[in-house]
PDB file of all heavy atoms in Angstrom:
ATOM      1  N   LYS A   1     -21.993  12.186 -45.492  1.00  0.00           N
ATOM      2  CA  LYS A   1     -21.095  12.912 -44.587  1.00  0.00           C
ATOM      3  C   LYS A   1     -20.545  14.161 -45.253  1.00  0.00           C
ATOM      4  O   LYS A   1     -20.485  15.243 -44.646  1.00  0.00           O
ATOM      5  CB  LYS A   1     -19.963  11.989 -44.163  1.00  0.00           C
ATOM      6  CG  LYS A   1     -19.008  12.618 -43.164  1.00  0.00           C
ATOM      7  CD  LYS A   1     -17.905  11.641 -42.767  1.00  0.00           C
ATOM      8  CE  LYS A   1     -16.939  12.287 -41.782  1.00  0.00           C
ATOM      9  NZ  LYS A   1     -15.833  11.361 -41.419  1.00  0.00           N
ATOM     10  N   SER A   2     -20.147  14.035 -46.540  1.00  0.00           N
ATOM     11  CA  SER A   2     -19.609  15.185 -47.270  1.00  0.00           C
ATOM     12  C   SER A   2     -20.672  16.271 -47.431  1.00  0.00           C
ATOM     13  O   SER A   2     -20.389  17.464 -47.262  1.00  0.00           O
ATOM     14  CB  SER A   2     -19.116  14.721 -48.639  1.00  0.00           C
ATOM     15  OG  SER A   2     -18.650  15.807 -49.405  1.00  0.00           O
ATOM     16  N   TYR A   3     -21.905  15.843 -47.738  1.00  0.00           N
ATOM     17  CA  TYR A   3     -23.007  16.799 -47.895  1.00  0.00           C
ATOM     18  C   TYR A   3     -23.259  17.546 -46.591  1.00  0.00           C
ATOM     19  O   TYR A   3     -23.438  18.767 -46.572  1.00  0.00           O
ATOM     20  CB  TYR A   3     -24.257  16.051 -48.351  1.00  0.00           C
ATOM     21  CG  TYR A   3     -25.518  16.868 -48.319  1.00  0.00           C
ATOM     22  CD1 TYR A   3     -25.811  17.781 -49.322  1.00  0.00           C
ATOM     23  CD2 TYR A   3     -26.423  16.739 -47.260  1.00  0.00           C
ATOM     24  CE1 TYR A   3     -26.968  18.536 -49.286  1.00  0.00           C
ATOM     25  CE2 TYR A   3     -27.580  17.491 -47.214  1.00  0.00           C
ATOM     26  CZ  TYR A   3     -27.852  18.394 -48.232  1.00  0.00           C
ATOM     27  OH  TYR A   3     -28.991  19.141 -48.189  1.00  0.00           O
ATOM     28  N   GLU A   4     -23.290  16.809 -45.475  1.00  0.00           N
ATOM     29  CA  GLU A   4     -23.561  17.435 -44.177  1.00  0.00           C
ATOM     30  C   GLU A   4     -22.453  18.420 -43.807  1.00  0.00           C
ATOM     31  O   GLU A   4     -22.726  19.497 -43.255  1.00  0.00           O
ATOM     32  CB  GLU A   4     -23.702  16.359 -43.109  1.00  0.00           C
ATOM     33  CG  GLU A   4     -24.986  15.545 -43.249  1.00  0.00           C
ATOM     34  CD  GLU A   4     -25.067  14.418 -42.229  1.00  0.00           C
ATOM     35  OE1 GLU A   4     -24.025  14.125 -41.590  1.00  0.00           O
ATOM     36  OE2 GLU A   4     -26.160  13.837 -42.064  1.00  0.00           O
ATOM     37  N   GLU A   5     -21.185  18.042 -44.096  1.00  0.00           N
ATOM     38  CA  GLU A   5     -20.065  18.936 -43.769  1.00  0.00           C
ATOM     39  C   GLU A   5     -20.138  20.222 -44.597  1.00  0.00           C
ATOM     40  O   GLU A   5     -19.932  21.325 -44.079  1.00  0.00           O
ATOM     41  CB  GLU A   5     -18.741  18.208 -44.019  1.00  0.00           C
ATOM     42  CG  GLU A   5     -18.439  17.110 -43.002  1.00  0.00           C
ATOM     43  CD  GLU A   5     -17.175  16.351 -43.333  1.00  0.00           C
ATOM     44  OE1 GLU A   5     -16.635  16.545 -44.443  1.00  0.00           O
ATOM     45  OE2 GLU A   5     -16.727  15.551 -42.486  1.00  0.00           O
ATOM     46  N   ASN A   6     -20.453  20.091 -45.900  1.00  0.00           N
ATOM     47  CA  ASN A   6     -20.548  21.279 -46.766  1.00  0.00           C
ATOM     48  C   ASN A   6     -21.722  22.152 -46.360  1.00  0.00           C
ATOM     49  O   ASN A   6     -21.626  23.388 -46.360  1.00  0.00           O
ATOM     50  CB  ASN A   6     -20.703  20.849 -48.229  1.00  0.00           C
ATOM     51  CG  ASN A   6     -19.438  20.226 -48.780  1.00  0.00           C
ATOM     52  OD1 ASN A   6     -18.339  20.501 -48.299  1.00  0.00           O
ATOM     53  ND2 ASN A   6     -19.570  19.371 -49.781  1.00  0.00           N
ATOM     54  N   THR A   7     -22.849  21.493 -46.019  1.00  0.00           N
ATOM     55  CA  THR A   7     -24.032  22.259 -45.597  1.00  0.00           C
ATOM     56  C   THR A   7     -23.751  23.018 -44.294  1.00  0.00           C
ATOM     57  O   THR A   7     -24.118  24.185 -44.146  1.00  0.00           O
ATOM     58  CB  THR A   7     -25.225  21.308 -45.399  1.00  0.00           C
ATOM     59  OG1 THR A   7     -25.451  20.572 -46.594  1.00  0.00           O
ATOM     60  CG2 THR A   7     -26.481  22.090 -45.040  1.00  0.00           C
ATOM     61  N   LEU A   8     -23.089  22.339 -43.350  1.00  0.00           N
ATOM     62  CA  LEU A   8     -22.735  22.979 -42.086  1.00  0.00           C
ATOM     63  C   LEU A   8     -21.813  24.170 -42.305  1.00  0.00           C
ATOM     64  O   LEU A   8     -21.952  25.216 -41.655  1.00  0.00           O
ATOM     65  CB  LEU A   8     -22.088  21.964 -41.158  1.00  0.00           C
ATOM     66  CG  LEU A   8     -21.706  22.455 -39.763  1.00  0.00           C
ATOM     67  CD1 LEU A   8     -22.942  22.922 -39.005  1.00  0.00           C
ATOM     68  CD2 LEU A   8     -20.984  21.362 -38.979  1.00  0.00           C
ATOM     69  N   SER A   9     -20.904  24.027 -43.264  1.00  0.00           N
ATOM     70  CA  SER A   9     -19.985  25.121 -43.569  1.00  0.00           C
ATOM     71  C   SER A   9     -20.751  26.340 -44.087  1.00  0.00           C
ATOM     72  O   SER A   9     -20.464  27.486 -43.697  1.00  0.00           O
ATOM     73  CB  SER A   9     -18.966  24.652 -44.598  1.00  0.00           C
ATOM     74  OG  SER A   9     -18.118  25.699 -44.980  1.00  0.00           O
ATOM     75  N   ILE A  10     -21.737  26.087 -44.954  1.00  0.00           N
ATOM     76  CA  ILE A  10     -22.547  27.196 -45.490  1.00  0.00           C
ATOM     77  C   ILE A  10     -23.355  27.862 -44.374  1.00  0.00           C
ATOM     78  O   ILE A  10     -23.435  29.088 -44.277  1.00  0.00           O
ATOM     79  CB  ILE A  10     -23.495  26.671 -46.595  1.00  0.00           C
ATOM     80  CG1 ILE A  10     -22.666  26.206 -47.794  1.00  0.00           C
ATOM     81  CG2 ILE A  10     -24.499  27.735 -47.007  1.00  0.00           C
ATOM     82  CD1 ILE A  10     -23.474  25.475 -48.853  1.00  0.00           C
ATOM     83  N   PHE A  11     -23.942  27.025 -43.504  1.00  0.00           N
ATOM     84  CA  PHE A  11     -24.722  27.570 -42.387  1.00  0.00           C
ATOM     85  C   PHE A  11     -23.852  28.437 -41.491  1.00  0.00           C
ATOM     86  O   PHE A  11     -24.288  29.485 -40.999  1.00  0.00           O
ATOM     87  CB  PHE A  11     -25.343  26.423 -41.584  1.00  0.00           C
ATOM     88  CG  PHE A  11     -26.683  25.979 -42.088  1.00  0.00           C
ATOM     89  CD1 PHE A  11     -26.808  25.394 -43.325  1.00  0.00           C
ATOM     90  CD2 PHE A  11     -27.830  26.163 -41.328  1.00  0.00           C
ATOM     91  CE1 PHE A  11     -28.024  24.979 -43.803  1.00  0.00           C
ATOM     92  CE2 PHE A  11     -29.064  25.759 -41.803  1.00  0.00           C
ATOM     93  CZ  PHE A  11     -29.175  25.161 -43.047  1.00  0.00           C
ATOM     94  N   LYS A  12     -22.607  27.987 -41.242  1.00  0.00           N
ATOM     95  CA  LYS A  12     -21.719  28.746 -40.358  1.00  0.00           C
ATOM     96  C   LYS A  12     -21.295  30.062 -40.982  1.00  0.00           C
ATOM     97  O   LYS A  12     -21.015  31.038 -40.276  1.00  0.00           O
ATOM     98  CB  LYS A  12     -20.487  27.907 -40.011  1.00  0.00           C
ATOM     99  CG  LYS A  12     -20.783  26.841 -38.966  1.00  0.00           C
ATOM    100  CD  LYS A  12     -19.509  26.178 -38.486  1.00  0.00           C
ATOM    101  CE  LYS A  12     -19.788  25.221 -37.323  1.00  0.00           C
ATOM    102  NZ  LYS A  12     -18.547  24.589 -36.812  1.00  0.00           N
ATOM    103  N   GLU A  13     -21.235  30.089 -42.320  1.00  0.00           N
ATOM    104  CA  GLU A  13     -20.918  31.353 -42.988  1.00  0.00           C
ATOM    105  C   GLU A  13     -22.057  32.352 -42.771  1.00  0.00           C
ATOM    106  O   GLU A  13     -21.842  33.552 -42.639  1.00  0.00           O
ATOM    107  CB  GLU A  13     -20.694  31.116 -44.480  1.00  0.00           C
ATOM    108  CG  GLU A  13     -19.372  30.440 -44.798  1.00  0.00           C
ATOM    109  CD  GLU A  13     -19.160  30.276 -46.295  1.00  0.00           C
ATOM    110  OE1 GLU A  13     -19.955  30.847 -47.064  1.00  0.00           O
ATOM    111  OE2 GLU A  13     -18.214  29.569 -46.683  1.00  0.00           O
ATOM    112  N   LEU A  14     -23.295  31.829 -42.773  1.00  0.00           N
ATOM    113  CA  LEU A  14     -24.441  32.700 -42.540  1.00  0.00           C
ATOM    114  C   LEU A  14     -24.603  33.045 -41.076  1.00  0.00           C
ATOM    115  O   LEU A  14     -25.051  34.143 -40.725  1.00  0.00           O
ATOM    116  CB  LEU A  14     -25.727  32.029 -43.054  1.00  0.00           C
ATOM    117  CG  LEU A  14     -25.786  31.774 -44.561  1.00  0.00           C
ATOM    118  CD1 LEU A  14     -27.018  30.956 -44.920  1.00  0.00           C
ATOM    119  CD2 LEU A  14     -25.782  33.100 -45.333  1.00  0.00           C
ATOM    120  N   ASN A  15     -24.269  32.079 -40.217  1.00  0.00           N
ATOM    121  CA  ASN A  15     -24.407  32.299 -38.783  1.00  0.00           C
ATOM    122  C   ASN A  15     -23.270  31.561 -38.065  1.00  0.00           C
ATOM    123  O   ASN A  15     -23.314  30.337 -37.913  1.00  0.00           O
ATOM    124  CB  ASN A  15     -25.765  31.789 -38.301  1.00  0.00           C
ATOM    125  CG  ASN A  15     -25.987  32.055 -36.826  1.00  0.00           C
ATOM    126  OD1 ASN A  15     -25.112  32.577 -36.127  1.00  0.00           O
ATOM    127  ND2 ASN A  15     -27.170  31.684 -36.335  1.00  0.00           N
ATOM    128  N   PRO A  16     -22.232  32.282 -37.647  1.00  0.00           N
ATOM    129  CA  PRO A  16     -21.064  31.642 -37.007  1.00  0.00           C
ATOM    130  C   PRO A  16     -21.414  30.857 -35.755  1.00  0.00           C
ATOM    131  O   PRO A  16     -20.654  29.984 -35.338  1.00  0.00           O
ATOM    132  CB  PRO A  16     -20.163  32.841 -36.674  1.00  0.00           C
ATOM    133  CG  PRO A  16     -20.590  33.915 -37.611  1.00  0.00           C
ATOM    134  CD  PRO A  16     -22.065  33.725 -37.800  1.00  0.00           C
ATOM    135  N   ASN A  17     -22.540  31.159 -35.137  1.00  0.00           N
ATOM    136  CA  ASN A  17     -22.931  30.450 -33.909  1.00  0.00           C
ATOM    137  C   ASN A  17     -23.617  29.114 -34.177  1.00  0.00           C
ATOM    138  O   ASN A  17     -23.998  28.401 -33.244  1.00  0.00           O
ATOM    139  CB  ASN A  17     -23.868  31.338 -33.071  1.00  0.00           C
ATOM    140  CG  ASN A  17     -23.174  32.607 -32.605  1.00  0.00           C
ATOM    141  OD1 ASN A  17     -21.987  32.551 -32.251  1.00  0.00           O
ATOM    142  ND2 ASN A  17     -23.893  33.715 -32.627  1.00  0.00           N
ATOM    143  N   PHE A  18     -23.788  28.777 -35.464  1.00  0.00           N
ATOM    144  CA  PHE A  18     -24.498  27.531 -35.820  1.00  0.00           C
ATOM    145  C   PHE A  18     -23.640  26.315 -35.475  1.00  0.00           C
ATOM    146  O   PHE A  18     -22.436  26.306 -35.671  1.00  0.00           O
ATOM    147  CB  PHE A  18     -24.818  27.534 -37.325  1.00  0.00           C
ATOM    148  CG  PHE A  18     -25.912  26.587 -37.686  1.00  0.00           C
ATOM    149  CD1 PHE A  18     -27.237  26.967 -37.588  1.00  0.00           C
ATOM    150  CD2 PHE A  18     -25.612  25.300 -38.088  1.00  0.00           C
ATOM    151  CE1 PHE A  18     -28.247  26.094 -37.903  1.00  0.00           C
ATOM    152  CE2 PHE A  18     -26.605  24.418 -38.407  1.00  0.00           C
ATOM    153  CZ  PHE A  18     -27.937  24.806 -38.322  1.00  0.00           C
ATOM    154  N   ARG A  19     -24.281  25.249 -34.904  1.00  0.00           N
ATOM    155  CA  ARG A  19     -23.522  24.081 -34.430  1.00  0.00           C
ATOM    156  C   ARG A  19     -23.965  22.754 -35.051  1.00  0.00           C
ATOM    157  O   ARG A  19     -23.151  21.891 -35.302  1.00  0.00           O
ATOM    158  CB  ARG A  19     -23.642  23.977 -32.890  1.00  0.00           C
ATOM    159  CG  ARG A  19     -22.934  25.098 -32.152  1.00  0.00           C
ATOM    160  CD  ARG A  19     -21.425  24.942 -32.278  1.00  0.00           C
ATOM    161  NE  ARG A  19     -20.721  26.001 -31.592  1.00  0.00           N
ATOM    162  CZ  ARG A  19     -20.337  27.130 -32.160  1.00  0.00           C
ATOM    163  NH1 ARG A  19     -20.617  27.368 -33.446  1.00  0.00           N
ATOM    164  NH2 ARG A  19     -19.682  28.054 -31.479  1.00  0.00           N
ATOM    165  N   ARG A  20     -25.267  22.567 -35.293  1.00  0.00           N
ATOM    166  CA  ARG A  20     -25.743  21.225 -35.658  1.00  0.00           C
ATOM    167  C   ARG A  20     -26.892  21.298 -36.664  1.00  0.00           C
ATOM    168  O   ARG A  20     -27.779  22.131 -36.550  1.00  0.00           O
ATOM    169  CB  ARG A  20     -26.225  20.496 -34.399  1.00  0.00           C
ATOM    170  CG  ARG A  20     -26.689  19.083 -34.609  1.00  0.00           C
ATOM    171  CD  ARG A  20     -26.826  18.391 -33.259  1.00  0.00           C
ATOM    172  NE  ARG A  20     -27.442  17.082 -33.381  1.00  0.00           N
ATOM    173  CZ  ARG A  20     -28.724  16.833 -33.170  1.00  0.00           C
ATOM    174  NH1 ARG A  20     -29.534  17.823 -32.794  1.00  0.00           N
ATOM    175  NH2 ARG A  20     -29.223  15.617 -33.312  1.00  0.00           N
ATOM    176  N   ILE A  21     -26.857  20.382 -37.678  1.00  0.00           N
ATOM    177  CA  ILE A  21     -27.917  20.309 -38.677  1.00  0.00           C
ATOM    178  C   ILE A  21     -28.830  19.138 -38.356  1.00  0.00           C
ATOM    179  O   ILE A  21     -28.389  18.002 -38.184  1.00  0.00           O
ATOM    180  CB  ILE A  21     -27.329  20.108 -40.082  1.00  0.00           C
ATOM    181  CG1 ILE A  21     -26.490  21.320 -40.486  1.00  0.00           C
ATOM    182  CG2 ILE A  21     -28.444  19.886 -41.113  1.00  0.00           C
ATOM    183  CD1 ILE A  21     -25.769  21.148 -41.803  1.00  0.00           C
ATOM    184  N   VAL A  22     -30.127  19.449 -38.263  1.00  0.00           N
ATOM    185  CA  VAL A  22     -31.136  18.395 -38.056  1.00  0.00           C
ATOM    186  C   VAL A  22     -31.998  18.279 -39.306  1.00  0.00           C
ATOM    187  O   VAL A  22     -32.157  17.200 -39.875  1.00  0.00           O
ATOM    188  CB  VAL A  22     -31.998  18.695 -36.823  1.00  0.00           C
ATOM    189  CG1 VAL A  22     -33.072  17.613 -36.663  1.00  0.00           C
ATOM    190  CG2 VAL A  22     -31.121  18.783 -35.570  1.00  0.00           C
ATOM    191  N   ASN A  23     -32.568  19.404 -39.732  1.00  0.00           N
ATOM    192  CA  ASN A  23     -33.370  19.469 -40.957  1.00  0.00           C
ATOM    193  C   ASN A  23     -32.898  20.685 -41.723  1.00  0.00           C
ATOM    194  O   ASN A  23     -33.251  21.824 -41.398  1.00  0.00           O
ATOM    195  CB  ASN A  23     -34.856  19.569 -40.595  1.00  0.00           C
ATOM    196  CG  ASN A  23     -35.754  19.545 -41.833  1.00  0.00           C
ATOM    197  OD1 ASN A  23     -35.415  20.062 -42.884  1.00  0.00           O
ATOM    198  ND2 ASN A  23     -36.921  18.926 -41.678  1.00  0.00           N
ATOM    199  N   SER A  24     -32.089  20.461 -42.754  1.00  0.00           N
ATOM    200  CA  SER A  24     -31.403  21.574 -43.429  1.00  0.00           C
ATOM    201  C   SER A  24     -32.383  22.593 -44.015  1.00  0.00           C
ATOM    202  O   SER A  24     -32.187  23.797 -43.876  1.00  0.00           O
ATOM    203  CB  SER A  24     -30.483  21.031 -44.519  1.00  0.00           C
ATOM    204  OG  SER A  24     -31.218  20.258 -45.448  1.00  0.00           O
ATOM    205  N   LYS A  25     -33.451  22.135 -44.676  1.00  0.00           N
ATOM    206  CA  LYS A  25     -34.392  23.082 -45.290  1.00  0.00           C
ATOM    207  C   LYS A  25     -35.111  23.916 -44.240  1.00  0.00           C
ATOM    208  O   LYS A  25     -35.212  25.139 -44.360  1.00  0.00           O
ATOM    209  CB  LYS A  25     -35.416  22.310 -46.134  1.00  0.00           C
ATOM    210  CG  LYS A  25     -36.374  23.221 -46.892  1.00  0.00           C
ATOM    211  CD  LYS A  25     -37.350  22.421 -47.703  1.00  0.00           C
ATOM    212  CE  LYS A  25     -38.256  23.329 -48.519  1.00  0.00           C
ATOM    213  NZ  LYS A  25     -38.977  24.334 -47.705  1.00  0.00           N
ATOM    214  N   ALA A  26     -35.617  23.234 -43.199  1.00  0.00           N
ATOM    215  CA  ALA A  26     -36.344  23.961 -42.158  1.00  0.00           C
ATOM    216  C   ALA A  26     -35.445  24.934 -41.437  1.00  0.00           C
ATOM    217  O   ALA A  26     -35.840  26.066 -41.116  1.00  0.00           O
ATOM    218  CB  ALA A  26     -36.950  22.958 -41.173  1.00  0.00           C
ATOM    219  N   GLN A  27     -34.186  24.504 -41.180  1.00  0.00           N
ATOM    220  CA  GLN A  27     -33.260  25.388 -40.472  1.00  0.00           C
ATOM    221  C   GLN A  27     -32.839  26.569 -41.330  1.00  0.00           C
ATOM    222  O   GLN A  27     -32.624  27.671 -40.818  1.00  0.00           O
ATOM    223  CB  GLN A  27     -32.039  24.578 -39.999  1.00  0.00           C
ATOM    224  CG  GLN A  27     -32.357  23.638 -38.829  1.00  0.00           C
ATOM    225  CD  GLN A  27     -31.188  22.758 -38.461  1.00  0.00           C
ATOM    226  OE1 GLN A  27     -30.940  21.776 -39.149  1.00  0.00           O
ATOM    227  NE2 GLN A  27     -30.487  23.111 -37.401  1.00  0.00           N
ATOM    228  N   MET A  28     -32.712  26.345 -42.651  1.00  0.00           N
ATOM    229  CA  MET A  28     -32.388  27.467 -43.534  1.00  0.00           C
ATOM    230  C   MET A  28     -33.526  28.485 -43.558  1.00  0.00           C
ATOM    231  O   MET A  28     -33.293  29.706 -43.486  1.00  0.00           O
ATOM    232  CB  MET A  28     -32.122  26.934 -44.948  1.00  0.00           C
ATOM    233  CG  MET A  28     -31.849  28.028 -45.974  1.00  0.00           C
ATOM    234  SD  MET A  28     -30.349  28.982 -45.619  1.00  0.00           S
ATOM    235  CE  MET A  28     -29.104  27.824 -46.147  1.00  0.00           C
ATOM    236  N   ASP A  29     -34.764  27.988 -43.634  1.00  0.00           N
ATOM    237  CA  ASP A  29     -35.925  28.900 -43.610  1.00  0.00           C
ATOM    238  C   ASP A  29     -35.943  29.696 -42.312  1.00  0.00           C
ATOM    239  O   ASP A  29     -36.214  30.909 -42.308  1.00  0.00           O
ATOM    240  CB  ASP A  29     -37.218  28.098 -43.758  1.00  0.00           C
ATOM    241  CG  ASP A  29     -37.362  27.467 -45.141  1.00  0.00           C
ATOM    242  OD1 ASP A  29     -36.661  27.928 -46.066  1.00  0.00           O
ATOM    243  OD2 ASP A  29     -38.162  26.513 -45.272  1.00  0.00           O
ATOM    244  N   GLN A  30     -35.654  29.012 -41.201  1.00  0.00           N
ATOM    245  CA  GLN A  30     -35.644  29.682 -39.900  1.00  0.00           C
ATOM    246  C   GLN A  30     -34.547  30.741 -39.838  1.00  0.00           C
ATOM    247  O   GLN A  30     -34.740  31.833 -39.280  1.00  0.00           O
ATOM    248  CB  GLN A  30     -35.455  28.642 -38.806  1.00  0.00           C
ATOM    249  CG  GLN A  30     -35.627  29.186 -37.401  1.00  0.00           C
ATOM    250  CD  GLN A  30     -35.477  28.104 -36.353  1.00  0.00           C
ATOM    251  OE1 GLN A  30     -34.971  27.024 -36.632  1.00  0.00           O
ATOM    252  NE2 GLN A  30     -35.922  28.391 -35.142  1.00  0.00           N
ATOM    253  N   LEU A  31     -33.400  30.409 -40.427  1.00  0.00           N
ATOM    254  CA  LEU A  31     -32.275  31.345 -40.402  1.00  0.00           C
ATOM    255  C   LEU A  31     -32.584  32.596 -41.211  1.00  0.00           C
ATOM    256  O   LEU A  31     -32.270  33.716 -40.810  1.00  0.00           O
ATOM    257  CB  LEU A  31     -31.035  30.637 -40.958  1.00  0.00           C
ATOM    258  CG  LEU A  31     -29.694  31.349 -40.777  1.00  0.00           C
ATOM    259  CD1 LEU A  31     -29.376  31.544 -39.303  1.00  0.00           C
ATOM    260  CD2 LEU A  31     -28.583  30.571 -41.458  1.00  0.00           C
ATOM    261  N   LEU A  32     -33.257  32.399 -42.349  1.00  0.00           N
ATOM    262  CA  LEU A  32     -33.608  33.544 -43.186  1.00  0.00           C
ATOM    263  C   LEU A  32     -34.665  34.419 -42.521  1.00  0.00           C
ATOM    264  O   LEU A  32     -34.637  35.647 -42.621  1.00  0.00           O
ATOM    265  CB  LEU A  32     -34.112  33.059 -44.548  1.00  0.00           C
ATOM    266  CG  LEU A  32     -33.070  32.380 -45.436  1.00  0.00           C
ATOM    267  CD1 LEU A  32     -33.713  31.823 -46.695  1.00  0.00           C
ATOM    268  CD2 LEU A  32     -31.950  33.362 -45.800  1.00  0.00           C
ATOM    269  N   LEU A  33     -35.616  33.761 -41.825  1.00  0.00           N
ATOM    270  CA  LEU A  33     -36.646  34.531 -41.130  1.00  0.00           C
ATOM    271  C   LEU A  33     -36.076  35.324 -39.979  1.00  0.00           C
ATOM    272  O   LEU A  33     -36.639  36.343 -39.551  1.00  0.00           O
ATOM    273  CB  LEU A  33     -37.739  33.589 -40.612  1.00  0.00           C
ATOM    274  CG  LEU A  33     -38.660  32.968 -41.682  1.00  0.00           C
ATOM    275  CD1 LEU A  33     -39.564  31.918 -41.041  1.00  0.00           C
ATOM    276  CD2 LEU A  33     -39.478  34.061 -42.360  1.00  0.00           C
ATOM    277  N   ALA A  34     -34.950  34.811 -39.427  1.00  0.00           N
ATOM    278  CA  ALA A  34     -34.330  35.498 -38.284  1.00  0.00           C
ATOM    279  C   ALA A  34     -33.707  36.831 -38.684  1.00  0.00           C
ATOM    280  O   ALA A  34     -33.422  37.679 -37.847  1.00  0.00           O
ATOM    281  CB  ALA A  34     -33.295  34.608 -37.639  1.00  0.00           C
ATOM    282  N   ILE A  35     -33.465  36.968 -39.962  1.00  0.00           N
ATOM    283  CA  ILE A  35     -32.875  38.232 -40.426  1.00  0.00           C
ATOM    284  C   ILE A  35     -34.000  39.264 -40.552  1.00  0.00           C
ATOM    285  O   ILE A  35     -34.938  39.077 -41.322  1.00  0.00           O
ATOM    286  CB  ILE A  35     -32.162  38.044 -41.778  1.00  0.00           C
ATOM    287  CG1 ILE A  35     -31.053  37.002 -41.646  1.00  0.00           C
ATOM    288  CG2 ILE A  35     -31.607  39.364 -42.278  1.00  0.00           C
ATOM    289  CD1 ILE A  35     -30.381  36.666 -42.961  1.00  0.00           C
ATOM    290  N   ASP A  36     -33.912  40.315 -39.799  1.00  0.00           N
ATOM    291  CA  ASP A  36     -34.947  41.349 -39.814  1.00  0.00           C
ATOM    292  C   ASP A  36     -34.970  42.021 -41.176  1.00  0.00           C
ATOM    293  O   ASP A  36     -33.950  42.541 -41.651  1.00  0.00           O
ATOM    294  CB  ASP A  36     -34.644  42.390 -38.726  1.00  0.00           C
ATOM    295  CG  ASP A  36     -35.768  43.396 -38.563  1.00  0.00           C
ATOM    296  OD1 ASP A  36     -36.706  43.414 -39.402  1.00  0.00           O
ATOM    297  OD2 ASP A  36     -35.713  44.171 -37.582  1.00  0.00           O
ATOM    298  N   SER A  37     -36.136  41.983 -41.794  1.00  0.00           N
ATOM    299  CA  SER A  37     -36.248  42.566 -43.142  1.00  0.00           C
ATOM    300  C   SER A  37     -35.943  44.057 -43.143  1.00  0.00           C
ATOM    301  O   SER A  37     -35.521  44.623 -44.152  1.00  0.00           O
ATOM    302  CB  SER A  37     -37.660  42.309 -43.698  1.00  0.00           C
ATOM    303  OG  SER A  37     -38.625  42.889 -42.845  1.00  0.00           O
ATOM    304  N   ASN A  38     -36.181  44.734 -42.005  1.00  0.00           N
ATOM    305  CA  ASN A  38     -35.882  46.168 -41.922  1.00  0.00           C
ATOM    306  C   ASN A  38     -34.394  46.440 -41.974  1.00  0.00           C
ATOM    307  O   ASN A  38     -33.953  47.516 -42.321  1.00  0.00           O
ATOM    308  CB  ASN A  38     -36.470  46.759 -40.638  1.00  0.00           C
ATOM    309  CG  ASN A  38     -37.991  46.707 -40.653  1.00  0.00           C
ATOM    310  OD1 ASN A  38     -38.599  46.863 -41.701  1.00  0.00           O
ATOM    311  ND2 ASN A  38     -38.582  46.505 -39.470  1.00  0.00           N
ATOM    312  N   GLU A  39     -33.609  45.414 -41.566  1.00  0.00           N
ATOM    313  CA  GLU A  39     -32.159  45.593 -41.579  1.00  0.00           C
ATOM    314  C   GLU A  39     -31.573  45.302 -42.948  1.00  0.00           C
ATOM    315  O   GLU A  39     -30.429  45.628 -43.219  1.00  0.00           O
ATOM    316  CB  GLU A  39     -31.520  44.669 -40.533  1.00  0.00           C
ATOM    317  CG  GLU A  39     -31.902  45.027 -39.117  1.00  0.00           C
ATOM    318  CD  GLU A  39     -31.254  44.086 -38.129  1.00  0.00           C
ATOM    319  OE1 GLU A  39     -30.502  43.193 -38.590  1.00  0.00           O
ATOM    320  OE2 GLU A  39     -31.487  44.236 -36.927  1.00  0.00           O
ATOM    321  N   ALA A  40     -32.310  44.651 -43.779  1.00  0.00           N
ATOM    322  CA  ALA A  40     -31.797  44.290 -45.092  1.00  0.00           C
ATOM    323  C   ALA A  40     -31.939  45.486 -46.030  1.00  0.00           C
ATOM    324  O   ALA A  40     -32.890  45.596 -46.792  1.00  0.00           O
ATOM    325  CB  ALA A  40     -32.556  43.089 -45.643  1.00  0.00           C
ATOM    326  N   LYS A  41     -31.031  46.418 -45.949  1.00  0.00           N
ATOM    327  CA  LYS A  41     -31.084  47.647 -46.725  1.00  0.00           C
ATOM    328  C   LYS A  41     -30.338  47.467 -48.034  1.00  0.00           C
ATOM    329  O   LYS A  41     -29.324  46.781 -48.078  1.00  0.00           O
ATOM    330  CB  LYS A  41     -30.460  48.783 -45.933  1.00  0.00           C
ATOM    331  CG  LYS A  41     -31.173  49.015 -44.599  1.00  0.00           C
ATOM    332  CD  LYS A  41     -30.428  50.061 -43.788  1.00  0.00           C
ATOM    333  CE  LYS A  41     -31.090  50.272 -42.443  1.00  0.00           C
ATOM    334  NZ  LYS A  41     -30.360  51.261 -41.619  1.00  0.00           N
ATOM    335  N   PRO A  42     -30.822  48.114 -49.102  1.00  0.00           N
ATOM    336  CA  PRO A  42     -30.095  48.039 -50.394  1.00  0.00           C
ATOM    337  C   PRO A  42     -28.759  48.735 -50.271  1.00  0.00           C
ATOM    338  O   PRO A  42     -28.661  49.821 -49.714  1.00  0.00           O
ATOM    339  CB  PRO A  42     -31.041  48.755 -51.371  1.00  0.00           C
ATOM    340  CG  PRO A  42     -31.905  49.634 -50.522  1.00  0.00           C
ATOM    341  CD  PRO A  42     -32.063  48.923 -49.214  1.00  0.00           C
ATOM    342  N   LEU A  43     -27.731  48.121 -50.782  1.00  0.00           N
ATOM    343  CA  LEU A  43     -26.374  48.640 -50.667  1.00  0.00           C
ATOM    344  C   LEU A  43     -25.903  49.217 -51.989  1.00  0.00           C
ATOM    345  O   LEU A  43     -26.246  48.716 -53.065  1.00  0.00           O
ATOM    346  CB  LEU A  43     -25.432  47.526 -50.212  1.00  0.00           C
ATOM    347  CG  LEU A  43     -25.763  46.848 -48.876  1.00  0.00           C
ATOM    348  CD1 LEU A  43     -24.742  45.747 -48.595  1.00  0.00           C
ATOM    349  CD2 LEU A  43     -25.797  47.863 -47.746  1.00  0.00           C
ATOM    350  N   ASP A  44     -25.061  50.246 -51.901  1.00  0.00           N
ATOM    351  CA  ASP A  44     -24.440  50.829 -53.082  1.00  0.00           C
ATOM    352  C   ASP A  44     -23.150  50.084 -53.338  1.00  0.00           C
ATOM    353  O   ASP A  44     -22.150  50.264 -52.627  1.00  0.00           O
ATOM    354  CB  ASP A  44     -24.163  52.323 -52.829  1.00  0.00           C
ATOM    355  CG  ASP A  44     -23.537  53.003 -54.044  1.00  0.00           C
ATOM    356  OD1 ASP A  44     -23.389  52.298 -55.087  1.00  0.00           O
ATOM    357  OD2 ASP A  44     -23.206  54.188 -53.946  1.00  0.00           O
ATOM    358  N   LEU A  45     -23.170  49.230 -54.355  1.00  0.00           N
ATOM    359  CA  LEU A  45     -22.003  48.394 -54.655  1.00  0.00           C
ATOM    360  C   LEU A  45     -21.258  48.875 -55.890  1.00  0.00           C
ATOM    361  O   LEU A  45     -20.580  48.107 -56.561  1.00  0.00           O
ATOM    362  CB  LEU A  45     -22.461  46.927 -54.850  1.00  0.00           C
ATOM    363  CG  LEU A  45     -23.133  46.275 -53.633  1.00  0.00           C
ATOM    364  CD1 LEU A  45     -23.590  44.862 -53.985  1.00  0.00           C
ATOM    365  CD2 LEU A  45     -22.186  46.262 -52.450  1.00  0.00           C
TER     366      LEU A  45
END
């Protein structure tokens, strides 16, 4: 239960619209693929 709650918290930080974890690895891969690589621009930090 603690693992699922922490994982859900991380997912929500990446995507506030996230609601439910079924397969954490597969869903993380899907979430990363959803980010358009063209939008991932190098930032001046």
